[in-house]
Amino acid sequence: MSELTLAGLSERIGRELGVSDWVAIDQERIDTFASCTGDRQWIHVDVERAKRESPFRGPIAHGYLTLAMVARSPCRSASFPGMPRPA
């Protein structure tokens, strides 16, 4: 893992900053997110209906859930001076 500084970011344009661990976006996580946000659209939470009717042949994660997961990725794949790594 490389250490990144604000001053050195321009040198990293177009280059990989690091790779984070895989995170499973399972149905339990999707259901929990649906409970927190009130977004209980069938394509997210009704597994059987999503298998039958979704063009993806199963439920899909909420867009905001995947966006929230992206927000934590840089902290897991690179080191920033003075910033502790999340557990």
Protein backbone atom coordinates (compact mmCIF):
# COMPACT_ATOMS: atom_id res chain seq x y z
CA MET A 1 0.00 0.00 0.00
CA SER A 2 1.42 3.36 -0.97
CA GLU A 3 1.10 6.57 1.01
CA LEU A 4 -0.79 9.32 -0.75
CA THR A 5 -0.52 13.03 -0.14
CA LEU A 6 -2.66 15.80 -1.55
CA ALA A 7 0.41 17.29 -3.22
CA GLY A 8 1.27 13.97 -4.86
CA LEU A 9 -2.19 13.12 -6.22
CA SER A 10 -1.60 14.81 -9.57
CA GLU A 11 1.28 12.38 -10.19
CA ARG A 12 -1.14 9.46 -9.79
CA ILE A 13 -3.67 10.52 -12.46
CA GLY A 14 -4.55 7.50 -14.58
CA ARG A 15 -2.78 5.08 -12.23
CA GLU A 16 -4.20 2.57 -9.79
CA LEU A 17 -4.17 3.90 -6.23
CA GLY A 18 -4.62 0.51 -4.65
CA VAL A 19 -6.94 -2.45 -4.41
CA SER A 20 -9.38 -2.93 -1.55
CA ASP A 21 -10.67 -6.24 -0.27
CA TRP A 22 -13.80 -7.73 -1.85
CA VAL A 23 -17.03 -6.94 -0.01
CA ALA A 24 -20.07 -9.17 -0.40
CA ILE A 25 -23.26 -7.32 -1.21
CA ASP A 26 -25.60 -10.09 -0.09
CA GLN A 27 -29.37 -10.06 0.30
CA GLU A 28 -29.11 -9.42 4.04
CA ARG A 29 -27.14 -6.21 3.39
CA ILE A 30 -29.63 -5.14 0.71
CA ASP A 31 -32.58 -5.83 3.04
CA THR A 32 -30.93 -3.90 5.87
CA PHE A 33 -30.32 -0.95 3.56
CA ALA A 34 -33.96 -1.11 2.40
CA SER A 35 -35.10 -0.99 6.03
CA CYS A 36 -32.93 2.04 6.77
CA THR A 37 -33.97 4.00 3.71
CA GLY A 38 -37.56 2.85 3.24
CA ASP A 39 -36.75 1.87 -0.36
CA ARG A 40 -38.44 -1.53 -0.55
CA GLN A 41 -38.87 -1.75 -4.32
CA TRP A 42 -39.43 -5.38 -5.34
CA ILE A 43 -36.36 -5.44 -7.56
CA HIS A 44 -34.25 -5.09 -4.41
CA VAL A 45 -36.09 -7.09 -1.76
CA ASP A 46 -38.45 -9.61 -3.41
CA VAL A 47 -36.04 -12.35 -4.45
CA GLU A 48 -38.60 -14.65 -6.09
CA ARG A 49 -40.28 -11.88 -8.08
CA ALA A 50 -36.91 -10.51 -9.16
CA LYS A 51 -35.91 -13.97 -10.40
CA ARG A 52 -39.09 -14.09 -12.51
CA GLU A 53 -39.47 -10.50 -13.71
CA SER A 54 -36.14 -8.70 -13.51
CA PRO A 55 -33.99 -8.53 -16.64
CA PHE A 56 -31.10 -9.33 -14.27
CA ARG A 57 -32.80 -12.60 -13.15
CA GLY A 58 -32.46 -11.70 -9.49
CA PRO A 59 -32.51 -8.81 -7.05
CA ILE A 60 -30.11 -5.91 -7.48
CA ALA A 61 -28.46 -3.69 -4.89
CA HIS A 62 -29.68 -0.13 -4.44
CA GLY A 63 -27.64 2.45 -6.32
CA TYR A 64 -27.03 4.44 -3.15
CA LEU A 65 -25.87 1.29 -1.35
CA THR A 66 -23.21 0.66 -3.97
CA LEU A 67 -22.26 4.35 -3.90
CA ALA A 68 -21.88 4.17 -0.12
CA MET A 69 -19.58 1.18 -0.51
CA VAL A 70 -17.39 3.09 -2.98
CA ALA A 71 -16.93 5.92 -0.47
CA ARG A 72 -15.07 3.65 1.95
CA SER A 73 -12.87 1.99 -0.66
CA PRO A 74 -10.02 4.55 -0.85
CA CYS A 75 -9.43 4.28 2.90
CA ARG A 76 -9.00 0.53 2.56
CA SER A 77 -6.69 0.60 -0.45
CA ALA A 78 -4.31 3.47 0.26
CA SER A 79 -2.68 5.17 3.21
CA PHE A 80 -3.16 8.87 3.85
CA PRO A 81 -0.78 10.65 6.25
CA GLY A 82 -2.40 11.20 9.64
CA MET A 83 -5.52 9.20 8.76
CA PRO A 84 -6.06 5.89 10.54
CA ARG A 85 -7.10 2.91 8.43
CA PRO A 86 -10.66 1.74 9.13
CA ALA A 87 -11.13 -1.59 10.86
